[in-house]
Amino acid sequence: MTFLNACPTPIRYQMLAIVKAVADAPPPAFGGGGKWEAMSGDMADYFQIKVDGFDQGARKHWRLFCLMERSEDVDGLPGPCVIVITGLVKPYLTKFTNEEYATVRALGDEFLGSLPRSVAL
C-alpha cells in the first residue's frame, strides 16, 4: 500500500484496475495486453503489472510485483488470490538492478513463509 499510495493517482488507478481484472479472470483467462506478465529467470513464479507514464515531466516505468495463490485452503486467505508483494519505479528505458529484484524476492519469501499468511485485504 505504501508504494501504491506514493504513485501518481492515474498510475495507482491503472494498477488497481489491472489487479482487479486479473482477480476477476485469472490467468490463463486474463491475457494482460502487455500490462500483466509472467516473469522468468530468478523472478519465475512472479508476475508484474506494467504501467508507464509521466511524473514531474519525466517518463517512468511503474511495476507492481505479484504472486498468484491458487490454493483454496491457505490459512489467512479467502481462497485463490492475486498477492501484491511490492512495487518499484524506474526511469524510462532502464532496468532494475539484481539487488532490487532480490528485495522483491525477499518480501515474497517472507510472505510465502508465514502461516497464517500476513495479508491486508
N, C-alpha and C. Protein backbone atom coordinates (compact mmCIF):
# COMPACT_ATOMS: atom_id res chain seq x y z
N MET A 1 0.83 -1.19 0.00
CA MET A 1 0.00 0.00 0.00
C MET A 1 0.87 1.25 0.00
N THR A 2 2.01 1.18 0.67
CA THR A 2 2.90 2.34 0.71
C THR A 2 3.33 2.73 -0.70
N PHE A 3 3.72 1.73 -1.50
CA PHE A 3 4.14 2.01 -2.87
C PHE A 3 2.98 2.59 -3.68
N LEU A 4 1.82 1.94 -3.63
CA LEU A 4 0.68 2.42 -4.40
C LEU A 4 0.26 3.83 -4.01
N ASN A 5 0.27 4.10 -2.73
CA ASN A 5 -0.11 5.45 -2.27
C ASN A 5 0.88 6.51 -2.71
N ALA A 6 2.13 6.12 -2.97
CA ALA A 6 3.14 7.08 -3.42
C ALA A 6 3.08 7.31 -4.93
N CYS A 7 2.36 6.45 -5.65
CA CYS A 7 2.25 6.60 -7.11
C CYS A 7 1.33 7.76 -7.46
N PRO A 8 1.59 8.41 -8.59
CA PRO A 8 0.63 9.41 -9.07
C PRO A 8 -0.75 8.76 -9.21
N THR A 9 -1.79 9.50 -8.93
CA THR A 9 -3.14 8.96 -8.92
C THR A 9 -3.50 8.18 -10.18
N PRO A 10 -3.23 8.69 -11.40
CA PRO A 10 -3.59 7.90 -12.59
C PRO A 10 -2.86 6.56 -12.66
N ILE A 11 -1.61 6.53 -12.23
CA ILE A 11 -0.83 5.29 -12.24
C ILE A 11 -1.42 4.30 -11.23
N ARG A 12 -1.71 4.78 -10.03
CA ARG A 12 -2.31 3.94 -8.99
C ARG A 12 -3.62 3.34 -9.47
N TYR A 13 -4.48 4.16 -10.07
CA TYR A 13 -5.78 3.66 -10.55
C TYR A 13 -5.61 2.62 -11.65
N GLN A 14 -4.66 2.83 -12.55
CA GLN A 14 -4.41 1.85 -13.60
C GLN A 14 -3.94 0.52 -13.00
N MET A 15 -3.03 0.59 -12.04
CA MET A 15 -2.52 -0.63 -11.42
C MET A 15 -3.63 -1.39 -10.69
N LEU A 16 -4.44 -0.67 -9.95
CA LEU A 16 -5.52 -1.32 -9.21
C LEU A 16 -6.56 -1.92 -10.17
N ALA A 17 -6.80 -1.27 -11.29
CA ALA A 17 -7.73 -1.81 -12.28
C ALA A 17 -7.19 -3.10 -12.88
N ILE A 18 -5.89 -3.17 -13.09
CA ILE A 18 -5.29 -4.40 -13.62
C ILE A 18 -5.35 -5.52 -12.58
N VAL A 19 -5.06 -5.21 -11.31
CA VAL A 19 -5.18 -6.22 -10.25
C VAL A 19 -6.60 -6.78 -10.24
N LYS A 20 -7.59 -5.91 -10.30
CA LYS A 20 -8.98 -6.35 -10.28
C LYS A 20 -9.31 -7.21 -11.50
N ALA A 21 -8.85 -6.80 -12.68
CA ALA A 21 -9.11 -7.57 -13.89
C ALA A 21 -8.49 -8.96 -13.81
N VAL A 22 -7.29 -9.05 -13.29
CA VAL A 22 -6.63 -10.35 -13.14
C VAL A 22 -7.38 -11.19 -12.11
N ALA A 23 -7.77 -10.60 -11.00
CA ALA A 23 -8.50 -11.34 -9.97
C ALA A 23 -9.85 -11.82 -10.48
N ASP A 24 -10.50 -11.03 -11.31
CA ASP A 24 -11.81 -11.41 -11.86
C ASP A 24 -11.71 -12.48 -12.93
N ALA A 25 -10.59 -12.52 -13.66
CA ALA A 25 -10.39 -13.50 -14.74
C ALA A 25 -8.93 -13.95 -14.71
N PRO A 26 -8.57 -14.80 -13.74
CA PRO A 26 -7.15 -15.14 -13.55
C PRO A 26 -6.55 -15.82 -14.78
N PRO A 27 -5.21 -15.76 -14.88
CA PRO A 27 -4.54 -16.45 -15.98
C PRO A 27 -4.92 -17.92 -15.98
N PRO A 28 -5.04 -18.55 -17.11
CA PRO A 28 -4.73 -18.02 -18.44
C PRO A 28 -5.89 -17.23 -19.07
N ALA A 29 -7.03 -17.10 -18.37
CA ALA A 29 -8.17 -16.38 -18.95
C ALA A 29 -7.84 -14.91 -19.17
N PHE A 30 -7.00 -14.33 -18.31
CA PHE A 30 -6.63 -12.92 -18.46
C PHE A 30 -5.36 -12.83 -19.27
N GLY A 31 -5.44 -12.24 -20.46
CA GLY A 31 -4.29 -12.13 -21.34
C GLY A 31 -3.32 -11.04 -20.93
N GLY A 32 -3.83 -9.94 -20.44
CA GLY A 32 -2.97 -8.89 -19.92
C GLY A 32 -2.67 -7.75 -20.85
N GLY A 33 -2.70 -7.96 -22.15
CA GLY A 33 -2.43 -6.88 -23.09
C GLY A 33 -1.14 -6.14 -22.85
N GLY A 34 -0.11 -6.85 -22.38
CA GLY A 34 1.19 -6.22 -22.10
C GLY A 34 1.25 -5.53 -20.76
N LYS A 35 0.16 -5.53 -20.02
CA LYS A 35 0.14 -4.88 -18.70
C LYS A 35 0.35 -5.89 -17.57
N TRP A 36 0.18 -7.19 -17.84
CA TRP A 36 0.34 -8.26 -16.86
C TRP A 36 1.23 -9.31 -17.49
N GLU A 37 2.39 -9.58 -16.88
CA GLU A 37 3.33 -10.53 -17.48
C GLU A 37 3.86 -11.48 -16.43
N ALA A 38 3.99 -12.75 -16.83
CA ALA A 38 4.73 -13.71 -16.03
C ALA A 38 6.21 -13.39 -16.18
N MET A 39 6.94 -13.48 -15.08
CA MET A 39 8.37 -13.18 -15.11
C MET A 39 9.15 -14.48 -15.27
N SER A 40 10.45 -14.39 -15.54
CA SER A 40 11.26 -15.57 -15.77
C SER A 40 12.58 -15.47 -15.01
N GLY A 41 13.40 -16.47 -15.17
CA GLY A 41 14.70 -16.48 -14.52
C GLY A 41 14.56 -16.48 -13.01
N ASP A 42 15.35 -15.65 -12.35
CA ASP A 42 15.30 -15.55 -10.88
C ASP A 42 13.95 -15.09 -10.37
N MET A 43 13.15 -14.49 -11.24
CA MET A 43 11.83 -13.98 -10.84
C MET A 43 10.70 -14.91 -11.28
N ALA A 44 11.03 -16.15 -11.68
CA ALA A 44 10.00 -17.12 -12.05
C ALA A 44 9.03 -17.25 -10.88
N ASP A 45 7.79 -17.49 -11.15
CA ASP A 45 6.67 -17.57 -10.19
C ASP A 45 6.11 -16.20 -9.83
N TYR A 46 6.77 -15.13 -10.23
CA TYR A 46 6.25 -13.79 -10.00
C TYR A 46 5.61 -13.29 -11.29
N PHE A 47 4.71 -12.35 -11.11
CA PHE A 47 4.07 -11.65 -12.21
C PHE A 47 4.32 -10.17 -11.98
N GLN A 48 4.29 -9.40 -13.07
CA GLN A 48 4.42 -7.95 -12.90
C GLN A 48 3.31 -7.24 -13.65
N ILE A 49 2.84 -6.21 -12.99
CA ILE A 49 1.90 -5.27 -13.61
C ILE A 49 2.76 -4.12 -14.11
N LYS A 50 2.58 -3.76 -15.37
CA LYS A 50 3.43 -2.76 -16.02
C LYS A 50 2.58 -1.56 -16.42
N VAL A 51 2.94 -0.40 -15.88
CA VAL A 51 2.27 0.85 -16.25
C VAL A 51 3.36 1.89 -16.51
N ASP A 52 3.24 2.57 -17.60
CA ASP A 52 4.18 3.64 -17.95
C ASP A 52 3.45 4.96 -17.92
N GLY A 53 4.19 6.01 -17.62
CA GLY A 53 3.58 7.34 -17.59
C GLY A 53 4.61 8.39 -17.25
N PHE A 54 4.11 9.56 -16.93
CA PHE A 54 4.97 10.70 -16.62
C PHE A 54 4.77 11.12 -15.18
N ASP A 55 5.85 11.52 -14.55
CA ASP A 55 5.82 12.06 -13.20
C ASP A 55 6.79 13.23 -13.16
N GLN A 56 6.29 14.39 -12.86
CA GLN A 56 7.09 15.62 -12.80
C GLN A 56 7.87 15.81 -14.11
N GLY A 57 7.19 15.56 -15.22
CA GLY A 57 7.76 15.79 -16.54
C GLY A 57 8.68 14.71 -17.05
N ALA A 58 8.96 13.69 -16.25
CA ALA A 58 9.86 12.62 -16.66
C ALA A 58 9.07 11.34 -16.93
N ARG A 59 9.38 10.68 -18.02
CA ARG A 59 8.71 9.41 -18.33
C ARG A 59 9.30 8.31 -17.44
N LYS A 60 8.43 7.47 -16.90
CA LYS A 60 8.86 6.43 -15.97
C LYS A 60 8.09 5.15 -16.21
N HIS A 61 8.66 4.07 -15.67
CA HIS A 61 8.03 2.75 -15.67
C HIS A 61 7.69 2.39 -14.22
N TRP A 62 6.42 2.10 -13.95
CA TRP A 62 6.00 1.62 -12.64
C TRP A 62 5.72 0.13 -12.77
N ARG A 63 6.18 -0.64 -11.78
CA ARG A 63 5.96 -2.08 -11.79
C ARG A 63 5.43 -2.51 -10.43
N LEU A 64 4.43 -3.37 -10.46
CA LEU A 64 3.85 -3.95 -9.25
C LEU A 64 4.11 -5.45 -9.35
N PHE A 65 4.79 -6.02 -8.36
CA PHE A 65 5.19 -7.42 -8.38
C PHE A 65 4.19 -8.24 -7.57
N CYS A 66 3.73 -9.32 -8.17
CA CYS A 66 2.65 -10.12 -7.58
C CYS A 66 2.98 -11.61 -7.63
N LEU A 67 2.30 -12.34 -6.76
CA LEU A 67 2.28 -13.79 -6.78
C LEU A 67 0.83 -14.21 -6.95
N MET A 68 0.62 -15.40 -7.48
CA MET A 68 -0.72 -15.95 -7.59
C MET A 68 -0.83 -17.07 -6.55
N GLU A 69 -1.80 -16.96 -5.68
CA GLU A 69 -2.10 -18.03 -4.72
C GLU A 69 -3.33 -18.74 -5.26
N ARG A 70 -3.14 -19.95 -5.75
CA ARG A 70 -4.23 -20.67 -6.40
C ARG A 70 -4.94 -21.65 -5.48
N SER A 71 -4.37 -21.90 -4.31
CA SER A 71 -4.95 -22.88 -3.40
C SER A 71 -6.22 -22.34 -2.76
N GLU A 72 -7.14 -23.24 -2.50
CA GLU A 72 -8.40 -22.87 -1.85
C GLU A 72 -8.29 -22.83 -0.33
N ASP A 73 -7.22 -23.43 0.22
CA ASP A 73 -7.20 -23.63 1.66
C ASP A 73 -5.93 -23.12 2.35
N VAL A 74 -5.45 -21.96 1.97
CA VAL A 74 -4.30 -21.36 2.64
C VAL A 74 -4.80 -20.53 3.81
N ASP A 75 -4.35 -20.85 5.00
CA ASP A 75 -4.78 -20.15 6.21
C ASP A 75 -4.46 -18.67 6.10
N GLY A 76 -5.47 -17.84 6.30
CA GLY A 76 -5.29 -16.39 6.24
C GLY A 76 -5.78 -15.78 4.94
N LEU A 77 -6.09 -16.62 3.94
CA LEU A 77 -6.58 -16.12 2.66
C LEU A 77 -7.99 -16.64 2.41
N PRO A 78 -8.81 -15.85 1.72
CA PRO A 78 -10.18 -16.28 1.46
C PRO A 78 -10.31 -17.30 0.34
N GLY A 79 -9.23 -17.63 -0.34
CA GLY A 79 -9.24 -18.55 -1.48
C GLY A 79 -8.18 -18.11 -2.46
N PRO A 80 -8.27 -18.52 -3.73
CA PRO A 80 -7.29 -18.07 -4.72
C PRO A 80 -7.22 -16.53 -4.77
N CYS A 81 -6.02 -16.01 -4.79
CA CYS A 81 -5.83 -14.55 -4.72
C CYS A 81 -4.67 -14.09 -5.59
N VAL A 82 -4.72 -12.83 -5.97
CA VAL A 82 -3.57 -12.13 -6.51
C VAL A 82 -2.91 -11.46 -5.31
N ILE A 83 -1.67 -11.81 -5.05
CA ILE A 83 -0.95 -11.27 -3.90
C ILE A 83 0.00 -10.18 -4.40
N VAL A 84 -0.24 -8.95 -4.01
CA VAL A 84 0.63 -7.84 -4.38
C VAL A 84 1.75 -7.79 -3.33
N ILE A 85 2.98 -7.98 -3.79
CA ILE A 85 4.13 -8.03 -2.88
C ILE A 85 4.70 -6.63 -2.65
N THR A 86 5.05 -5.95 -3.71
CA THR A 86 5.62 -4.60 -3.62
C THR A 86 5.68 -4.00 -5.02
N GLY A 87 6.12 -2.79 -5.10
CA GLY A 87 6.28 -2.13 -6.39
C GLY A 87 7.59 -1.39 -6.47
N LEU A 88 8.00 -1.10 -7.68
CA LEU A 88 9.20 -0.31 -7.93
C LEU A 88 8.93 0.62 -9.11
N VAL A 89 9.67 1.70 -9.16
CA VAL A 89 9.57 2.63 -10.27
C VAL A 89 10.99 2.90 -10.77
N LYS A 90 11.10 3.07 -12.09
CA LYS A 90 12.42 3.31 -12.67
C LYS A 90 12.29 4.31 -13.81
N PRO A 91 13.37 5.00 -14.14
CA PRO A 91 13.34 5.90 -15.29
C PRO A 91 13.08 5.12 -16.58
N TYR A 92 12.57 5.81 -17.57
CA TYR A 92 12.26 5.25 -18.87
C TYR A 92 13.50 4.59 -19.48
N LEU A 93 13.29 3.41 -20.07
CA LEU A 93 14.32 2.64 -20.78
C LEU A 93 15.50 2.25 -19.90
N THR A 94 15.26 2.00 -18.62
CA THR A 94 16.30 1.49 -17.74
C THR A 94 15.84 0.14 -17.19
N LYS A 95 16.75 -0.54 -16.51
CA LYS A 95 16.44 -1.84 -15.92
C LYS A 95 16.59 -1.76 -14.41
N PHE A 96 15.84 -2.64 -13.73
CA PHE A 96 16.04 -2.77 -12.30
C PHE A 96 17.33 -3.54 -12.06
N THR A 97 17.94 -3.30 -10.90
CA THR A 97 19.17 -4.00 -10.55
C THR A 97 18.85 -5.37 -9.95
N ASN A 98 19.85 -6.23 -9.91
CA ASN A 98 19.70 -7.53 -9.25
C ASN A 98 19.33 -7.35 -7.79
N GLU A 99 19.85 -6.31 -7.16
CA GLU A 99 19.54 -6.03 -5.76
C GLU A 99 18.07 -5.65 -5.58
N GLU A 100 17.53 -4.89 -6.51
CA GLU A 100 16.11 -4.53 -6.41
C GLU A 100 15.23 -5.77 -6.57
N TYR A 101 15.58 -6.62 -7.52
CA TYR A 101 14.82 -7.87 -7.66
C TYR A 101 14.98 -8.76 -6.43
N ALA A 102 16.17 -8.78 -5.84
CA ALA A 102 16.38 -9.58 -4.62
C ALA A 102 15.50 -9.08 -3.48
N THR A 103 15.29 -7.79 -3.39
CA THR A 103 14.39 -7.23 -2.37
C THR A 103 12.97 -7.71 -2.59
N VAL A 104 12.52 -7.74 -3.83
CA VAL A 104 11.18 -8.24 -4.14
C VAL A 104 11.08 -9.70 -3.73
N ARG A 105 12.08 -10.51 -4.09
CA ARG A 105 12.05 -11.93 -3.75
C ARG A 105 12.07 -12.15 -2.24
N ALA A 106 12.83 -11.34 -1.52
CA ALA A 106 12.88 -11.47 -0.06
C ALA A 106 11.50 -11.20 0.56
N LEU A 107 10.81 -10.20 0.05
CA LEU A 107 9.46 -9.92 0.55
C LEU A 107 8.50 -11.05 0.18
N GLY A 108 8.64 -11.58 -1.02
CA GLY A 108 7.82 -12.71 -1.43
C GLY A 108 8.10 -13.95 -0.58
N ASP A 109 9.37 -14.20 -0.30
CA ASP A 109 9.74 -15.34 0.55
C ASP A 109 9.17 -15.18 1.96
N GLU A 110 9.21 -13.95 2.47
CA GLU A 110 8.65 -13.69 3.80
C GLU A 110 7.15 -14.00 3.80
N PHE A 111 6.44 -13.55 2.76
CA PHE A 111 5.02 -13.83 2.66
C PHE A 111 4.75 -15.33 2.59
N LEU A 112 5.46 -16.02 1.70
CA LEU A 112 5.23 -17.45 1.49
C LEU A 112 5.62 -18.28 2.71
N GLY A 113 6.54 -17.75 3.52
CA GLY A 113 6.99 -18.49 4.70
C GLY A 113 6.12 -18.31 5.92
N SER A 114 5.08 -17.51 5.83
CA SER A 114 4.25 -17.24 7.00
C SER A 114 2.92 -17.98 6.90
N LEU A 115 2.52 -18.61 8.00
CA LEU A 115 1.20 -19.22 8.13
C LEU A 115 0.66 -18.87 9.51
N PRO A 116 -0.47 -18.28 9.66
CA PRO A 116 -1.32 -17.86 8.54
C PRO A 116 -0.64 -16.75 7.75
N ARG A 117 -1.06 -16.61 6.52
CA ARG A 117 -0.49 -15.58 5.65
C ARG A 117 -0.77 -14.20 6.23
N SER A 118 0.22 -13.33 6.12
CA SER A 118 0.07 -11.95 6.55
C SER A 118 -0.50 -11.16 5.38
N VAL A 119 -1.76 -10.76 5.49
CA VAL A 119 -2.43 -10.09 4.38
C VAL A 119 -3.18 -8.86 4.84
N ALA A 120 -3.35 -7.93 3.92
CA ALA A 120 -4.24 -6.79 4.09
C ALA A 120 -5.21 -6.86 2.92
N LEU A 121 -6.47 -7.07 3.21
CA LEU A 121 -7.46 -7.23 2.13
C LEU A 121 -8.07 -5.89 1.76
